[in-house]
Amino acid sequence: MEIGIDSFAAMMSGNEENAISDALAMEQLLDRIAFADQVGLDYFGIGEHHRKGFLDSAPTLILAAAAAQTKNIRLGTAVTVLSAADPVRVFQQHATLDLISGGRAEMVAGRGSFIDAYPLFGLDLNDYDALFIEKLDLLLKIRDNETISWSGKFRPALKNQSIYPRPVQDPFPVWLGVGGTPSSFVRAGMLGLPLMVAIIGGETHRFRPLVDLYREAGKKAGHPAEQLKVGLHSLGYIGETTEQAFESFYPGYAAAMTKIGKERGWPPTTRAHFEAQAGPTGALLVGSAEDVAAKILRHAQALGGISRVTFQLDTAELPHEKIKASIGLMGTRLKHLLA
């Protein structure tokens, strides 16, 4: 099983006592990516947001900088907000990243967990689904064909147009990032794309029916079972002990989730809610390497097998050295427990 990290390049802004500059936050992020490579982690993903407190509006630029400082770790997105982008430019950027990294680039395409990009780029939220479907179709056609002819509703047509550069990898890895919408799982299966499931709350085993939909759709479309990979993205943190991990992670997690909850109509996050989510069946991957490894194996069994787990470590706005220590434990303990 592959172990990775997803980051939203979030600067420490919620706690004024610990606030740092954007430049220092970026420097520390690149240091963490290089360290993740050194300790043998498999993947590092950068998200895409267009709001205060997040520095990931141009993820491929961050990943290109990281590529120059790493040797083995695969580098990709978490997720690329494809609905709000031009698929031609998205492909060109990722193909360039693949060349810079020597064939270590990937993409997780999705619609994002926030809607900030839509008004920013003049898009109508009423076209939420149609935008993504059309742009994913164009992206995959560009990936699979050097020269294409294509027409759609939201972008000027392409007539016998060649798209460059071409990546090292053929085909270039494109995962589909999904939340809890059944049609998204079915779409990924029909297209034969690997699936990255974002589970940031609730009980992970409840996603099994949706994962089954994905695998059934892929099988009906004629895709081999080994192509239908399932990844799991969850909030998490590894500490020396589970007690230490809880005490480190909870305060920042509660503050961040309560803040987001005000936007989305959720109640404030309590310690009881946190401990339930960090319990045996909850979505949070917080604890010692041994306890988290056991939980991941339970999740894998409940979902019928998973190929990759990525930890979102930014949520609690922990200091750089604490996050780095957690990354070290992932490489030295967790990865070996799941080997």
Protein backbone atom coordinates (compact mmCIF):
# COMPACT_ATOMS: atom_id res chain seq x y z
CA MET A 1 0.00 0.00 0.00
CA GLU A 2 1.32 3.43 -0.93
CA ILE A 3 1.52 6.11 1.76
CA GLY A 4 1.44 9.79 0.91
CA ILE A 5 0.63 13.28 2.09
CA ASP A 6 -1.75 15.88 0.71
CA SER A 7 -1.18 19.54 1.56
CA PHE A 8 -3.24 22.64 0.92
CA ALA A 9 -0.13 24.81 1.41
CA ALA A 10 -1.90 26.48 4.30
CA MET A 11 0.02 29.13 6.17
CA MET A 12 -0.38 29.30 9.94
CA SER A 13 -2.92 32.10 10.08
CA GLY A 14 -5.61 30.96 12.53
CA ASN A 15 -3.51 31.42 15.65
CA GLU A 16 -2.05 34.93 15.70
CA GLU A 17 0.68 33.91 18.16
CA ASN A 18 1.97 31.32 15.71
CA ALA A 19 1.28 33.16 12.45
CA ILE A 20 4.08 33.06 9.87
CA SER A 21 4.66 34.79 6.56
CA ASP A 22 3.60 33.33 3.22
CA ALA A 23 7.23 33.09 2.13
CA LEU A 24 8.25 31.12 5.23
CA ALA A 25 5.21 28.86 4.91
CA MET A 26 6.21 28.02 1.34
CA GLU A 27 9.83 27.40 2.35
CA GLN A 28 8.69 25.03 5.08
CA LEU A 29 6.32 23.21 2.74
CA LEU A 30 9.10 22.51 0.25
CA ASP A 31 11.29 21.29 3.11
CA ARG A 32 8.55 18.85 4.15
CA ILE A 33 8.20 17.51 0.62
CA ALA A 34 11.96 16.94 0.41
CA PHE A 35 11.87 15.21 3.80
CA ALA A 36 8.95 13.00 2.75
CA ASP A 37 11.11 11.88 -0.18
CA GLN A 38 14.06 11.19 2.12
CA VAL A 39 12.03 8.96 4.48
CA GLY A 40 10.60 6.95 1.59
CA LEU A 41 6.99 8.10 1.29
CA ASP A 42 5.34 7.37 -2.05
CA TYR A 43 3.36 10.49 -2.91
CA PHE A 44 2.99 14.18 -2.11
CA GLY A 45 -0.06 16.05 -3.39
CA ILE A 46 -0.78 19.78 -3.44
CA GLY A 47 -4.36 20.99 -3.45
CA GLU A 48 -5.85 23.99 -5.23
CA HIS A 49 -7.67 26.78 -3.44
CA HIS A 50 -8.36 30.42 -4.16
CA ARG A 51 -8.93 31.87 -0.69
CA LYS A 52 -7.05 33.55 2.13
CA GLY A 53 -4.82 31.30 4.17
CA PHE A 54 -4.05 28.87 1.36
CA LEU A 55 -1.00 29.23 -0.87
CA ASP A 56 -1.87 26.57 -3.45
CA SER A 57 -3.59 28.53 -6.22
CA ALA A 58 -0.78 27.43 -8.61
CA PRO A 59 -0.03 23.85 -7.49
CA THR A 60 2.11 22.79 -10.45
CA LEU A 61 4.55 25.63 -9.70
CA ILE A 62 4.99 24.33 -6.14
CA LEU A 63 5.38 20.78 -7.42
CA ALA A 64 7.96 21.84 -10.01
CA ALA A 65 10.02 23.45 -7.26
CA ALA A 66 9.66 20.24 -5.23
CA ALA A 67 10.70 18.11 -8.21
CA ALA A 68 14.07 19.86 -8.26
CA GLN A 69 14.63 18.91 -4.60
CA THR A 70 13.46 15.27 -4.71
CA LYS A 71 14.42 12.04 -6.43
CA ASN A 72 11.85 9.29 -5.92
CA ILE A 73 8.56 10.55 -4.49
CA ARG A 74 5.65 10.94 -6.91
CA LEU A 75 4.25 14.46 -7.13
CA GLY A 76 0.71 15.45 -7.98
CA THR A 77 -2.40 17.38 -7.11
CA ALA A 78 -5.07 17.03 -4.46
CA VAL A 79 -7.16 18.09 -6.39
CA THR A 80 -6.85 20.06 -9.64
CA VAL A 81 -10.09 22.07 -9.87
CA LEU A 82 -10.65 21.07 -13.47
CA SER A 83 -14.07 22.71 -13.75
CA ALA A 84 -12.50 26.16 -13.40
CA ALA A 85 -9.52 25.60 -15.69
CA ASP A 86 -8.67 25.17 -19.37
CA PRO A 87 -7.87 21.46 -19.90
CA VAL A 88 -5.28 22.35 -22.54
CA ARG A 89 -3.30 24.44 -20.06
CA VAL A 90 -3.83 21.89 -17.29
CA PHE A 91 -2.37 19.17 -19.47
CA GLN A 92 0.55 21.32 -20.60
CA GLN A 93 1.42 22.24 -17.02
CA HIS A 94 1.33 18.65 -15.81
CA ALA A 95 3.22 17.36 -18.84
CA THR A 96 5.92 19.92 -18.10
CA LEU A 97 5.98 18.81 -14.47
CA ASP A 98 6.37 15.23 -15.66
CA LEU A 99 9.38 16.22 -17.75
CA ILE A 100 10.97 18.17 -14.89
CA SER A 101 10.44 15.31 -12.42
CA GLY A 102 11.58 12.56 -14.77
CA GLY A 103 8.19 10.86 -14.98
CA ARG A 104 7.01 11.26 -11.36
CA ALA A 105 3.98 13.50 -11.91
CA GLU A 106 0.30 12.67 -11.45
CA MET A 107 -3.00 14.51 -11.33
CA VAL A 108 -6.11 14.09 -9.22
CA ALA A 109 -8.88 15.87 -11.13
CA GLY A 110 -11.99 17.04 -9.32
CA ARG A 111 -14.37 19.89 -8.61
CA GLY A 112 -12.87 21.02 -5.30
CA SER A 113 -14.41 21.30 -1.85
CA PHE A 114 -14.93 25.08 -2.08
CA ILE A 115 -16.65 27.11 -4.79
CA ASP A 116 -14.32 30.14 -4.74
CA ALA A 117 -12.85 29.39 -8.18
CA TYR A 118 -16.20 29.66 -9.96
CA PRO A 119 -16.96 33.38 -9.48
CA LEU A 120 -13.22 34.16 -9.65
CA PHE A 121 -13.03 32.82 -13.21
CA GLY A 122 -16.49 33.98 -14.29
CA LEU A 123 -18.20 30.59 -14.19
CA ASP A 124 -21.84 29.88 -13.42
CA LEU A 125 -22.45 27.49 -10.52
CA ASN A 126 -25.52 26.25 -12.36
CA ASP A 127 -23.04 24.62 -14.76
CA TYR A 128 -21.24 22.82 -11.89
CA ASP A 129 -21.68 19.29 -13.25
CA ALA A 130 -21.65 20.09 -16.97
CA LEU A 131 -18.37 22.01 -16.71
CA PHE A 132 -16.57 19.12 -15.08
CA ILE A 133 -17.93 16.43 -17.40
CA GLU A 134 -16.98 18.37 -20.53
CA LYS A 135 -13.54 19.39 -19.32
CA LEU A 136 -12.68 15.90 -18.11
CA ASP A 137 -13.62 14.57 -21.54
CA LEU A 138 -11.29 17.07 -23.23
CA LEU A 139 -8.45 16.42 -20.78
CA LEU A 140 -8.54 12.67 -21.39
CA LYS A 141 -8.67 13.13 -25.16
CA ILE A 142 -5.59 15.37 -24.99
CA ARG A 143 -3.84 12.83 -22.77
CA ASP A 144 -4.51 9.97 -25.16
CA ASN A 145 -3.97 11.78 -28.47
CA GLU A 146 -1.21 14.14 -29.55
CA THR A 147 -3.49 15.73 -32.16
CA ILE A 148 -7.22 16.13 -31.60
CA SER A 149 -10.40 17.62 -32.99
CA TRP A 150 -12.99 18.46 -30.34
CA SER A 151 -15.95 20.74 -29.69
CA GLY A 152 -17.98 21.55 -26.60
CA LYS A 153 -20.11 24.18 -24.90
CA PHE A 154 -17.66 25.92 -22.58
CA ARG A 155 -14.48 26.20 -24.64
CA PRO A 156 -13.67 27.11 -28.27
CA ALA A 157 -13.44 24.07 -30.53
CA LEU A 158 -10.14 22.47 -31.50
CA LYS A 159 -9.64 21.40 -35.11
CA ASN A 160 -6.79 19.03 -35.88
CA GLN A 161 -4.79 20.71 -33.11
CA SER A 162 -1.60 19.22 -31.62
CA ILE A 163 -0.97 19.73 -27.89
CA TYR A 164 2.58 19.98 -26.51
CA PRO A 165 4.68 19.12 -24.61
CA ARG A 166 4.00 15.42 -24.19
CA PRO A 167 4.77 13.86 -20.81
CA VAL A 168 7.30 11.13 -20.04
CA GLN A 169 4.57 8.75 -18.87
CA ASP A 170 2.17 7.30 -21.41
CA PRO A 171 -0.59 7.39 -20.40
CA PHE A 172 -0.12 10.20 -17.92
CA PRO A 173 -1.74 9.16 -14.58
CA VAL A 174 -5.06 10.92 -13.97
CA TRP A 175 -7.05 9.99 -10.87
CA LEU A 176 -10.61 11.14 -10.25
CA GLY A 177 -11.12 12.82 -6.89
CA VAL A 178 -14.60 12.24 -5.44
CA GLY A 179 -16.62 12.95 -2.31
CA GLY A 180 -19.93 11.21 -1.82
CA THR A 181 -21.80 11.60 -5.13
CA PRO A 182 -22.74 8.19 -6.64
CA SER A 183 -22.56 9.47 -10.23
CA SER A 184 -18.93 10.50 -9.70
CA PHE A 185 -17.99 6.97 -8.62
CA VAL A 186 -19.78 5.48 -11.62
CA ARG A 187 -18.11 7.98 -13.98
CA ALA A 188 -14.64 7.03 -12.71
CA GLY A 189 -15.41 3.35 -13.20
CA MET A 190 -16.75 3.79 -16.72
CA LEU A 191 -13.64 5.74 -17.69
CA GLY A 192 -11.30 3.26 -16.00
CA LEU A 193 -9.67 5.99 -13.91
CA PRO A 194 -8.16 5.31 -10.48
CA LEU A 195 -10.34 6.72 -7.72
CA MET A 196 -9.25 8.98 -4.84
CA VAL A 197 -12.00 9.10 -2.22
CA ALA A 198 -11.93 12.07 0.15
CA ILE A 199 -13.36 10.96 3.49
CA ILE A 200 -12.96 13.70 6.08
CA GLY A 201 -15.86 12.80 8.35
CA GLY A 202 -18.29 10.04 9.24
CA GLU A 203 -17.45 6.36 9.18
CA THR A 204 -15.23 5.15 6.36
CA HIS A 205 -16.94 1.78 5.90
CA ARG A 206 -20.14 3.55 4.85
CA PHE A 207 -18.45 4.38 1.52
CA ARG A 208 -18.31 0.70 0.54
CA PRO A 209 -21.53 0.80 -1.55
CA LEU A 210 -20.12 3.72 -3.56
CA VAL A 211 -16.79 1.95 -4.08
CA ASP A 212 -18.73 -1.11 -5.22
CA LEU A 213 -20.57 1.07 -7.74
CA TYR A 214 -17.17 2.21 -9.06
CA ARG A 215 -15.84 -1.31 -9.44
CA GLU A 216 -19.04 -2.61 -11.03
CA ALA A 217 -19.11 0.26 -13.55
CA GLY A 218 -15.46 -0.36 -14.41
CA LYS A 219 -16.01 -4.07 -14.87
CA LYS A 220 -19.03 -3.48 -17.14
CA ALA A 221 -16.95 -1.06 -19.21
CA GLY A 222 -14.34 -3.77 -19.73
CA HIS A 223 -11.54 -2.33 -17.59
CA PRO A 224 -9.25 -4.85 -15.83
CA ALA A 225 -9.57 -5.04 -12.04
CA GLU A 226 -5.94 -3.97 -11.50
CA GLN A 227 -6.67 -0.70 -13.31
CA LEU A 228 -9.50 0.18 -10.92
CA LYS A 229 -7.38 1.39 -8.02
CA VAL A 230 -8.94 3.03 -4.95
CA GLY A 231 -7.13 5.61 -2.83
CA LEU A 232 -8.22 7.10 0.48
CA HIS A 233 -7.64 10.75 1.46
CA SER A 234 -8.24 11.56 5.14
CA LEU A 235 -7.25 14.10 7.74
CA GLY A 236 -4.58 12.71 10.02
CA TYR A 237 -1.50 12.99 12.18
CA ILE A 238 0.96 10.43 13.54
CA GLY A 239 2.47 10.91 17.01
CA GLU A 240 4.78 8.89 19.22
CA THR A 241 1.70 7.74 21.14
CA THR A 242 -2.01 8.00 20.43
CA GLU A 243 -2.51 10.19 23.49
CA GLN A 244 0.22 12.57 22.33
CA ALA A 245 -1.24 12.68 18.82
CA PHE A 246 -4.71 13.51 20.15
CA GLU A 247 -3.43 16.31 22.39
CA SER A 248 -1.36 17.84 19.58
CA PHE A 249 -3.97 17.59 16.83
CA TYR A 250 -7.28 18.31 18.54
CA PRO A 251 -7.06 22.05 19.35
CA GLY A 252 -6.17 23.17 15.84
CA TYR A 253 -8.51 20.63 14.24
CA ALA A 254 -11.45 21.83 16.34
CA ALA A 255 -10.72 25.48 15.51
CA ALA A 256 -10.40 24.81 11.77
CA MET A 257 -13.48 22.60 11.48
CA THR A 258 -15.59 24.99 13.56
CA LYS A 259 -14.52 27.84 11.26
CA ILE A 260 -15.46 25.87 8.14
CA GLY A 261 -18.65 24.76 9.87
CA LYS A 262 -19.82 28.36 10.16
CA GLU A 263 -19.73 28.57 6.34
CA ARG A 264 -21.52 25.27 5.84
CA GLY A 265 -24.00 25.19 8.71
CA TRP A 266 -22.24 22.57 10.84
CA PRO A 267 -22.27 22.68 14.65
CA PRO A 268 -19.03 23.52 16.51
CA THR A 269 -16.56 20.65 16.80
CA THR A 270 -16.32 19.17 20.29
CA ARG A 271 -13.79 16.83 21.91
CA ALA A 272 -16.40 14.06 21.92
CA HIS A 273 -16.96 14.49 18.19
CA PHE A 274 -13.20 14.43 17.57
CA GLU A 275 -12.66 11.27 19.60
CA ALA A 276 -15.53 9.54 17.79
CA GLN A 277 -13.96 10.45 14.43
CA ALA A 278 -10.55 9.29 15.65
CA GLY A 279 -12.05 6.02 16.94
CA PRO A 280 -11.91 2.58 15.28
CA THR A 281 -14.39 3.28 12.46
CA GLY A 282 -14.15 7.08 12.15
CA ALA A 283 -12.49 8.91 9.28
CA LEU A 284 -9.64 10.63 11.17
CA LEU A 285 -6.25 8.89 10.97
CA VAL A 286 -4.84 10.27 14.22
CA GLY A 287 -2.74 8.29 16.67
CA SER A 288 0.42 6.26 17.00
CA ALA A 289 1.81 4.55 13.91
CA GLU A 290 0.66 1.20 15.28
CA ASP A 291 -2.90 2.33 16.00
CA VAL A 292 -3.25 4.18 12.69
CA ALA A 293 -1.84 1.23 10.74
CA ALA A 294 -4.42 -1.07 12.33
CA LYS A 295 -7.15 1.43 11.44
CA ILE A 296 -6.00 1.73 7.83
CA LEU A 297 -6.04 -2.05 7.48
CA ARG A 298 -9.61 -2.10 8.83
CA HIS A 299 -10.57 0.60 6.34
CA ALA A 300 -8.92 -1.34 3.51
CA GLN A 301 -10.88 -4.46 4.40
CA ALA A 302 -14.13 -2.51 4.74
CA LEU A 303 -13.67 -0.92 1.29
CA GLY A 304 -12.62 -4.13 -0.43
CA GLY A 305 -8.99 -3.06 -0.77
CA ILE A 306 -7.17 0.25 -1.22
CA SER A 307 -3.97 1.06 -3.10
CA ARG A 308 -2.98 4.39 -1.53
CA VAL A 309 -3.64 6.39 1.64
CA THR A 310 -2.88 10.10 1.78
CA PHE A 311 -2.83 12.16 4.99
CA GLN A 312 -3.98 15.76 5.05
CA LEU A 313 -1.72 17.20 7.78
CA ASP A 314 -2.45 20.93 7.41
CA THR A 315 -5.80 21.08 9.16
CA ALA A 316 -4.59 21.57 12.73
CA GLU A 317 -2.06 24.28 11.76
CA LEU A 318 0.68 22.53 13.70
CA PRO A 319 4.22 23.97 13.70
CA HIS A 320 6.56 22.86 10.94
CA GLU A 321 8.73 20.69 13.18
CA LYS A 322 5.72 18.77 14.53
CA ILE A 323 4.42 18.09 11.02
CA LYS A 324 7.89 17.05 9.93
CA ALA A 325 8.17 14.68 12.90
CA SER A 326 4.87 13.12 11.89
CA ILE A 327 6.16 12.64 8.34
CA GLY A 328 9.22 10.94 9.77
CA LEU A 329 7.06 8.48 11.72
CA MET A 330 5.10 7.71 8.56
CA GLY A 331 8.31 6.76 6.79
CA THR A 332 10.08 4.94 9.59
CA ARG A 333 7.13 3.16 11.23
CA LEU A 334 3.79 3.38 9.42
CA LYS A 335 5.05 2.45 5.97
CA HIS A 336 6.75 -0.67 7.32
CA LEU A 337 3.67 -1.71 9.31
CA LEU A 338 1.59 -1.56 6.11
CA ALA A 339 4.19 -3.18 3.83
